[in-house]
Amino acid sequence: MKIGIIGGGAAGLVAAIYAKTEENEVIIFEKKDSCAKKILMTGNGRCNYWNENQEKRHYHSENPEIVKEIMTEENAQEVLSFFDMLGVVSKIKNGYYYPYSNQASTIKTLLLKEIERKKIETKENFEVDEIEKKGNHFLIKSKEEEWEVDRVILATGSSASLREKDNNGYRVAQSFGHNILPLVPSLVPLVSARKDLKKWAGVRSNAIVSLWVEDQCYGTEEGELQWTEDGLSGICIFNLSGMASKALSLGQKVSIKIQWMPWLRSVEEGRDWFDDKKRNTHPLENVLVGFLNPKLIEILLKTAMVSKNQSWKALTEEEKNRVLNVLFSLEIPISKTKSLERAQVCKGGIPLSEIVPSTMESKKEKGLYMVGELLDVDGDCGGYNLGFAWTTGMLAGKGVRK
């Protein structure tokens, strides 16, 4: 067979490696001037390529039960064996897998060396305009060329981080009868209309953050919160941003609530902490500076309408309640997210219900396979999106051989 892989990213390269046999010819069609460019941007240039914690709550989809069929323990072990075969020496930190070199270029280089060793052809600067079914074959067309293949694996990625909104993978999938669930940004900063945010810009603080949609809590994360000139960022925000994006696209009210004392789990514990004789007679500013940036202290106490020079002991019960409310559930209204260009991945895409999970073959068109970010799965930060890309690429590469 002749197999065409549309896209030379993470999923496409793995699919090509698995699909290539002595009998099968594999060609990668990549619209950029080289394959695996996006891999270099992952993990802040270090490529967090897997995560030891494969709980399915880290993957988000309209069909979570199908995610479980794809991200199995057996498949996880095969993916890790694949990277071992490539020659990747892993460095594992808190369950996060990185190449021991701490360089994303290690992953890119070893993948491309395997592509070269297997004599897989790559056609760079090839932008697919259309794919047409002709009998039992597919015609892959650009403006200048046309190629005939027996199988097609769509691995074009999503519209995230692209300046152009269009993605030929979605168009091709639709031309074969596939649906596309609405695409919204995920793993992206959130934007608020709150007017005093510029005063906090650049500040970082450990906190517990929760996403509220129409006055219901939709998720909680703990980590480093980063303030921008117009909103919130940081991994804890990124992991909630996909759900926030979807709610905003439906016109729902969205907000983030912040708990600034993550070593405490309740308002009652907070009251006891402030009541302690070691700190209840000191000015509030002196007490708070032990865990909060001075810029935050000024704004939080102003929000609570108390003086930074007052002690906890001197506050009225009403004032104490206001301070605790600000420290345990400060609410920041969210008006929108940053654009798809600023997002790491998309929420939405081709429904998993329209593919065969064991092979990634389309249920709409025999011989067509779809992998990676094109599908309706977005993972949390921490190697989950690359993990899904490697796994689906592997399944599709093995699938075409059947």
Protein backbone atom coordinates (compact mmCIF):
# COMPACT_ATOMS: atom_id res chain seq x y z
CA MET A 1 0.00 0.00 0.00
CA LYS A 2 0.88 3.66 -0.37
CA ILE A 3 -0.06 5.65 2.74
CA GLY A 4 -0.34 9.44 2.87
CA ILE A 5 0.13 11.20 6.22
CA ILE A 6 -1.23 14.74 6.22
CA GLY A 7 0.86 16.62 8.79
CA GLY A 8 4.35 16.04 10.13
CA GLY A 9 3.75 16.85 13.78
CA ALA A 10 3.82 14.60 16.84
CA ALA A 11 0.93 12.32 15.84
CA GLY A 12 1.82 12.24 12.15
CA LEU A 13 5.44 11.23 12.67
CA VAL A 14 4.55 8.38 15.03
CA ALA A 15 1.80 7.22 12.66
CA ALA A 16 4.30 7.19 9.78
CA ILE A 17 6.88 5.18 11.73
CA TYR A 18 4.31 2.55 12.71
CA ALA A 19 2.72 2.42 9.24
CA LYS A 20 5.99 1.85 7.36
CA THR A 21 6.84 -1.73 6.50
CA GLU A 22 8.85 -3.30 3.68
CA GLU A 23 5.60 -3.57 1.72
CA ASN A 24 4.11 -0.17 2.62
CA GLU A 25 5.30 3.10 1.16
CA VAL A 26 4.67 6.10 3.46
CA ILE A 27 4.72 9.76 2.46
CA ILE A 28 4.35 12.67 4.91
CA PHE A 29 2.81 15.85 3.47
CA GLU A 30 3.83 18.80 5.67
CA LYS A 31 2.72 22.37 4.92
CA LYS A 32 5.63 23.98 6.81
CA ASP A 33 9.24 23.94 5.67
CA SER A 34 10.13 21.14 8.13
CA CYS A 35 8.43 18.53 10.27
CA ALA A 36 8.06 18.55 14.07
CA LYS A 37 8.39 22.33 14.49
CA LYS A 38 5.67 22.54 17.15
CA ILE A 39 7.41 19.89 19.26
CA LEU A 40 10.22 22.40 19.87
CA MET A 41 7.76 24.74 21.63
CA THR A 42 6.39 22.16 24.07
CA GLY A 43 7.24 22.20 27.76
CA ASN A 44 8.92 25.60 27.48
CA GLY A 45 11.41 24.10 25.06
CA ARG A 46 12.04 21.01 27.21
CA CYS A 47 9.24 18.78 25.80
CA ASN A 48 7.20 17.29 28.62
CA TYR A 49 6.29 14.29 26.45
CA TRP A 50 4.38 12.05 28.91
CA ASN A 51 2.88 11.93 32.38
CA GLU A 52 3.00 9.02 34.79
CA ASN A 53 -0.46 9.91 36.16
CA GLN A 54 -2.85 8.73 33.46
CA GLU A 55 -6.11 9.29 35.35
CA LYS A 56 -8.75 10.01 32.72
CA ARG A 57 -9.86 13.20 34.50
CA HIS A 58 -6.85 14.82 32.82
CA TYR A 59 -8.47 14.34 29.39
CA HIS A 60 -11.60 16.28 28.37
CA SER A 61 -14.02 15.17 25.66
CA GLU A 62 -17.70 14.85 24.84
CA ASN A 63 -17.04 11.08 24.77
CA PRO A 64 -14.95 10.33 27.88
CA GLU A 65 -15.76 6.61 27.72
CA ILE A 66 -13.99 6.39 24.33
CA VAL A 67 -10.93 8.19 25.75
CA LYS A 68 -10.65 5.25 28.17
CA GLU A 69 -10.54 2.84 25.22
CA ILE A 70 -7.68 4.80 23.64
CA MET A 71 -5.55 5.75 26.66
CA THR A 72 -5.19 2.25 28.08
CA GLU A 73 -2.37 0.95 30.28
CA GLU A 74 -1.30 -1.38 27.46
CA ASN A 75 -1.06 1.50 24.99
CA ALA A 76 0.79 3.64 27.53
CA GLN A 77 3.44 0.94 27.97
CA GLU A 78 3.84 0.61 24.21
CA VAL A 79 4.31 4.38 23.79
CA LEU A 80 6.99 4.43 26.51
CA SER A 81 8.69 1.43 24.87
CA PHE A 82 8.59 3.28 21.55
CA PHE A 83 10.50 6.24 22.99
CA ASP A 84 12.95 3.87 24.63
CA MET A 85 13.47 2.24 21.21
CA LEU A 86 14.13 5.67 19.67
CA GLY A 87 16.87 6.23 22.23
CA VAL A 88 15.19 8.79 24.47
CA VAL A 89 16.61 8.73 28.00
CA SER A 90 13.86 10.04 30.26
CA LYS A 91 14.10 12.33 33.24
CA ILE A 92 11.01 11.97 35.46
CA LYS A 93 10.09 14.80 37.83
CA ASN A 94 6.86 14.53 39.85
CA GLY A 95 5.56 12.13 37.21
CA TYR A 96 6.40 14.47 34.30
CA TYR A 97 8.58 12.87 31.59
CA TYR A 98 11.28 14.98 29.90
CA PRO A 99 14.24 13.96 27.73
CA TYR A 100 17.32 13.80 29.95
CA SER A 101 18.90 16.55 27.85
CA ASN A 102 16.07 18.93 28.88
CA GLN A 103 15.88 19.84 25.19
CA ALA A 104 12.78 19.36 23.03
CA SER A 105 15.16 19.10 20.07
CA THR A 106 16.16 15.64 21.38
CA ILE A 107 12.65 14.31 20.71
CA LYS A 108 12.47 15.99 17.31
CA THR A 109 15.90 14.75 16.24
CA LEU A 110 15.30 11.13 17.25
CA LEU A 111 11.88 11.03 15.55
CA LEU A 112 13.30 12.44 12.31
CA LYS A 113 16.26 10.04 12.43
CA GLU A 114 13.81 7.15 12.64
CA ILE A 115 11.85 8.62 9.71
CA GLU A 116 15.11 8.74 7.74
CA ARG A 117 16.18 5.24 8.82
CA LYS A 118 12.85 3.80 7.68
CA LYS A 119 13.15 5.63 4.34
CA ILE A 120 9.88 7.50 4.82
CA GLU A 121 9.48 10.25 2.26
CA THR A 122 8.62 13.77 3.45
CA LYS A 123 7.23 16.50 1.23
CA GLU A 124 7.60 19.85 2.97
CA ASN A 125 5.87 23.08 1.89
CA PHE A 126 2.98 20.94 0.63
CA GLU A 127 -0.39 22.41 1.58
CA VAL A 128 -3.30 20.06 0.96
CA ASP A 129 -6.24 21.81 -0.69
CA GLU A 130 -8.47 18.80 -1.14
CA ILE A 131 -8.61 15.02 -0.75
CA GLU A 132 -10.92 13.12 -3.08
CA LYS A 133 -11.94 9.45 -3.03
CA LYS A 134 -11.57 7.74 -6.41
CA GLY A 135 -12.62 4.11 -6.29
CA ASN A 136 -10.51 2.47 -3.60
CA HIS A 137 -7.88 5.24 -3.72
CA PHE A 138 -7.51 8.78 -2.41
CA LEU A 139 -6.26 11.74 -4.43
CA ILE A 140 -4.29 14.23 -2.34
CA LYS A 141 -4.31 17.57 -4.12
CA SER A 142 -2.38 20.80 -3.68
CA LYS A 143 -2.48 23.75 -6.07
CA GLU A 144 0.49 22.33 -8.01
CA GLU A 145 0.47 18.56 -7.44
CA GLU A 146 -1.72 15.50 -7.10
CA TRP A 147 -0.80 12.23 -5.39
CA GLU A 148 -2.69 8.94 -5.37
CA VAL A 149 -2.58 6.83 -2.20
CA ASP A 150 -4.41 3.84 -0.74
CA ARG A 151 -4.84 5.15 2.82
CA VAL A 152 -4.87 8.62 4.40
CA ILE A 153 -4.05 9.57 7.98
CA LEU A 154 -5.13 13.10 8.90
CA ALA A 155 -2.70 14.52 11.44
CA THR A 156 -2.93 18.25 10.78
CA GLY A 157 -3.27 19.35 14.40
CA SER A 158 -5.81 21.92 15.54
CA SER A 159 -6.21 25.65 14.93
CA ALA A 160 -4.49 26.44 18.24
CA SER A 161 -1.37 28.64 18.08
CA LEU A 162 -1.94 29.30 14.37
CA ARG A 163 -2.29 32.78 12.94
CA GLU A 164 -4.66 31.50 10.30
CA LYS A 165 -8.00 30.28 11.64
CA ASP A 166 -8.54 27.76 8.84
CA ASN A 167 -7.33 24.18 9.22
CA ASN A 168 -7.40 21.93 6.19
CA GLY A 169 -7.80 18.84 8.38
CA TYR A 170 -11.24 19.95 9.52
CA ARG A 171 -12.26 20.78 5.96
CA VAL A 172 -11.14 17.40 4.66
CA ALA A 173 -12.93 15.58 7.49
CA GLN A 174 -16.14 17.51 6.76
CA SER A 175 -15.89 16.66 3.07
CA PHE A 176 -16.11 12.99 4.05
CA GLY A 177 -19.19 13.56 6.22
CA HIS A 178 -17.62 14.19 9.63
CA ASN A 179 -19.04 16.66 12.12
CA ILE A 180 -16.88 19.26 13.87
CA LEU A 181 -17.77 20.13 17.45
CA PRO A 182 -17.36 23.90 18.12
CA LEU A 183 -13.70 24.89 18.45
CA VAL A 184 -12.76 27.10 21.40
CA PRO A 185 -9.34 27.88 22.95
CA SER A 186 -7.96 25.70 25.74
CA LEU A 187 -4.77 25.95 27.81
CA VAL A 188 -5.01 29.70 27.38
CA PRO A 189 -4.98 32.83 29.61
CA LEU A 190 -8.32 34.23 30.80
CA VAL A 191 -9.38 37.87 30.42
CA SER A 192 -11.33 39.94 32.97
CA ALA A 193 -13.03 43.32 32.72
CA ARG A 194 -11.95 44.16 36.29
CA LYS A 195 -10.35 47.63 36.07
CA ASP A 196 -7.56 47.38 38.66
CA LEU A 197 -5.78 44.38 37.15
CA LYS A 198 -2.92 46.46 35.76
CA LYS A 199 -1.80 47.13 39.32
CA TRP A 200 -1.24 43.38 39.80
CA ALA A 201 0.41 42.69 36.41
CA GLY A 202 3.47 40.48 36.69
CA VAL A 203 2.68 39.27 40.21
CA ARG A 204 2.81 35.51 40.89
CA SER A 205 1.32 33.77 43.90
CA ASN A 206 0.50 30.21 44.94
CA ALA A 207 -3.25 29.83 45.33
CA ILE A 208 -6.24 27.55 44.98
CA VAL A 209 -8.42 28.66 42.06
CA SER A 210 -11.87 27.42 41.15
CA LEU A 211 -13.97 27.91 38.03
CA TRP A 212 -17.58 29.01 38.56
CA VAL A 213 -20.17 28.87 35.78
CA GLU A 214 -23.63 30.25 36.51
CA ASP A 215 -22.87 30.05 40.26
CA GLN A 216 -21.80 26.37 40.14
CA CYS A 217 -18.24 25.17 40.71
CA TYR A 218 -16.91 23.34 37.64
CA GLY A 219 -13.37 22.58 38.78
CA THR A 220 -10.59 23.44 41.21
CA GLU A 221 -6.82 23.64 40.70
CA GLU A 222 -3.91 24.52 42.94
CA GLY A 223 -0.69 26.10 41.70
CA GLU A 224 1.06 29.29 40.74
CA LEU A 225 -1.34 32.03 39.69
CA GLN A 226 0.03 34.70 37.35
CA TRP A 227 -1.53 38.13 36.94
CA THR A 228 -1.47 39.81 33.53
CA GLU A 229 -2.53 43.32 32.55
CA ASP A 230 -5.97 42.09 31.58
CA GLY A 231 -6.51 38.83 33.40
CA LEU A 232 -5.12 35.58 34.77
CA SER A 233 -2.59 33.01 33.62
CA GLY A 234 -0.54 30.09 34.96
CA ILE A 235 -0.91 26.30 34.71
CA CYS A 236 -3.76 26.23 37.24
CA ILE A 237 -5.71 28.71 35.07
CA PHE A 238 -4.81 26.86 31.84
CA ASN A 239 -6.28 23.63 33.18
CA LEU A 240 -9.63 25.38 33.79
CA SER A 241 -9.60 27.48 30.61
CA GLY A 242 -11.16 24.93 28.27
CA MET A 243 -14.29 24.63 30.39
CA ALA A 244 -14.34 28.43 30.75
CA SER A 245 -14.07 28.84 26.96
CA LYS A 246 -16.96 26.52 26.32
CA ALA A 247 -19.17 28.23 28.92
CA LEU A 248 -18.35 31.68 27.53
CA SER A 249 -19.17 30.51 23.99
CA LEU A 250 -22.62 29.52 25.30
CA GLY A 251 -23.14 32.98 26.81
CA GLN A 252 -22.88 31.77 30.41
CA LYS A 253 -21.60 33.78 33.37
CA VAL A 254 -18.03 32.75 34.23
CA SER A 255 -15.78 33.70 37.13
CA ILE A 256 -12.66 32.53 38.95
CA LYS A 257 -12.61 32.39 42.75
CA ILE A 258 -9.24 32.56 44.49
CA GLN A 259 -8.15 31.13 47.84
CA TRP A 260 -4.89 32.83 48.84
CA MET A 261 -4.01 30.55 51.79
CA PRO A 262 -3.69 27.09 50.15
CA TRP A 263 -2.21 25.46 53.26
CA LEU A 264 -5.62 26.00 54.90
CA ARG A 265 -8.79 24.31 53.66
CA SER A 266 -11.62 26.29 55.25
CA VAL A 267 -12.63 29.76 56.42
CA GLU A 268 -12.79 28.38 59.95
CA GLU A 269 -9.14 27.35 59.75
CA GLY A 270 -8.34 30.82 58.45
CA ARG A 271 -10.09 32.45 61.40
CA ASP A 272 -8.12 30.26 63.81
CA TRP A 273 -4.89 31.14 62.02
CA PHE A 274 -5.49 34.89 62.42
CA ASP A 275 -6.70 34.44 66.03
CA ASP A 276 -3.35 32.95 67.04
CA LYS A 277 -1.62 35.15 69.62
CA LYS A 278 1.60 35.06 67.58
CA ARG A 279 -0.02 37.27 64.94
CA ASN A 280 -3.39 38.71 66.04
CA THR A 281 -1.91 41.95 67.46
CA HIS A 282 0.39 42.72 64.52
CA PRO A 283 -0.68 45.08 61.70
CA LEU A 284 -2.44 43.11 58.96
CA GLU A 285 0.16 44.23 56.41
CA ASN A 286 2.93 42.61 58.49
CA VAL A 287 0.97 39.37 58.81
CA LEU A 288 0.04 39.10 55.12
CA VAL A 289 3.48 39.96 53.75
CA GLY A 290 4.64 36.54 54.93
CA PHE A 291 2.81 34.90 52.01
CA LEU A 292 1.49 37.65 49.71
CA ASN A 293 3.10 40.15 47.35
CA PRO A 294 2.78 43.75 48.69
CA LYS A 295 0.84 44.75 45.56
CA LEU A 296 -1.74 42.07 46.34
CA ILE A 297 -1.96 43.08 50.00
CA GLU A 298 -2.84 46.65 49.13
CA ILE A 299 -5.61 45.68 46.70
CA LEU A 300 -7.04 42.84 48.80
CA LEU A 301 -7.32 44.95 51.95
CA LYS A 302 -8.81 47.80 49.93
CA THR A 303 -11.39 45.33 48.58
CA ALA A 304 -12.12 44.22 52.17
CA MET A 305 -12.37 47.89 53.22
CA VAL A 306 -9.93 47.62 56.13
CA SER A 307 -6.70 49.46 56.91
CA LYS A 308 -3.38 47.67 56.46
CA ASN A 309 -2.27 49.17 59.79
CA GLN A 310 -5.09 47.58 61.79
CA SER A 311 -4.51 44.35 63.69
CA TRP A 312 -6.76 41.32 63.39
CA LYS A 313 -7.69 41.63 67.05
CA ALA A 314 -8.87 45.22 66.57
CA LEU A 315 -11.24 44.39 63.69
CA THR A 316 -14.98 44.10 64.16
CA GLU A 317 -16.64 40.78 63.34
CA GLU A 318 -17.98 42.24 60.11
CA GLU A 319 -14.50 43.43 59.09
CA LYS A 320 -12.99 40.03 59.92
CA ASN A 321 -15.62 38.34 57.74
CA ARG A 322 -14.78 40.68 54.85
CA VAL A 323 -11.06 39.91 55.16
CA LEU A 324 -11.72 36.16 55.24
CA ASN A 325 -14.08 36.43 52.27
CA VAL A 326 -11.40 38.22 50.21
CA LEU A 327 -8.69 35.74 51.22
CA PHE A 328 -10.76 32.60 50.69
CA SER A 329 -13.09 33.42 47.79
CA LEU A 330 -12.07 36.57 45.93
CA GLU A 331 -14.19 36.49 42.75
CA ILE A 332 -12.74 37.67 39.42
CA PRO A 333 -15.33 37.93 36.62
CA ILE A 334 -14.13 36.44 33.31
CA SER A 335 -15.26 38.14 30.12
CA LYS A 336 -13.36 36.08 27.52
CA THR A 337 -10.23 34.05 26.85
CA LYS A 338 -7.23 34.95 24.75
CA SER A 339 -7.52 33.97 21.08
CA LEU A 340 -6.84 30.59 19.48
CA GLU A 341 -3.50 32.02 18.39
CA ARG A 342 -2.50 32.23 22.08
CA ALA A 343 -3.94 28.82 22.98
CA GLN A 344 -1.86 25.66 23.25
CA VAL A 345 -4.73 23.39 22.17
CA CYS A 346 -8.40 23.51 21.14
CA LYS A 347 -11.49 22.15 22.84
CA GLY A 348 -13.78 20.56 20.28
CA GLY A 349 -13.09 18.95 16.90
CA ILE A 350 -14.05 15.64 15.33
CA PRO A 351 -16.22 13.59 17.75
CA LEU A 352 -14.59 10.40 19.02
CA SER A 353 -17.89 8.65 18.35
CA GLU A 354 -17.11 8.95 14.61
CA ILE A 355 -13.85 6.95 14.72
CA VAL A 356 -12.94 3.35 15.62
CA PRO A 357 -10.89 3.75 18.81
CA SER A 358 -8.72 0.66 18.29
CA THR A 359 -7.45 1.82 14.88
CA MET A 360 -8.49 5.52 14.62
CA GLU A 361 -10.22 4.72 11.31
CA SER A 362 -13.16 6.87 10.27
CA LYS A 363 -16.60 5.34 10.59
CA LYS A 364 -17.67 7.55 7.68
CA GLU A 365 -15.01 6.64 5.12
CA LYS A 366 -13.03 3.39 4.90
CA GLY A 367 -9.31 3.98 4.58
CA LEU A 368 -9.38 7.41 6.25
CA TYR A 369 -7.81 7.78 9.72
CA MET A 370 -7.71 10.74 12.12
CA VAL A 371 -5.35 11.40 15.01
CA GLY A 372 -4.13 13.93 17.55
CA GLU A 373 -5.53 17.40 18.09
CA LEU A 374 -8.04 17.12 15.24
CA LEU A 375 -10.14 14.99 17.56
CA ASP A 376 -12.38 16.21 20.36
CA VAL A 377 -9.89 15.64 23.18
CA ASP A 378 -7.98 18.31 25.07
CA GLY A 379 -5.69 17.41 27.94
CA ASP A 380 -4.41 19.25 30.98
CA CYS A 381 -0.91 20.72 31.12
CA GLY A 382 1.69 18.09 31.92
CA GLY A 383 2.30 16.00 28.80
CA TYR A 384 -1.28 14.86 28.25
CA ASN A 385 -1.83 16.40 24.81
CA LEU A 386 1.43 15.00 23.47
CA GLY A 387 0.58 11.69 25.12
CA PHE A 388 -2.73 11.59 23.24
CA ALA A 389 -0.95 12.50 19.99
CA TRP A 390 1.66 9.72 20.32
CA THR A 391 -0.98 7.15 21.29
CA THR A 392 -3.44 7.91 18.49
CA GLY A 393 -0.60 8.13 15.96
CA MET A 394 0.60 4.70 17.05
CA LEU A 395 -2.92 3.20 16.82
CA ALA A 396 -3.50 4.66 13.35
CA GLY A 397 -0.10 3.50 12.09
CA LYS A 398 -0.84 -0.03 13.28
CA GLY A 399 -4.42 0.30 12.03
CA VAL A 400 -3.50 0.94 8.38
CA ARG A 401 -1.35 -2.19 8.43
CA LYS A 402 -4.43 -4.29 9.20
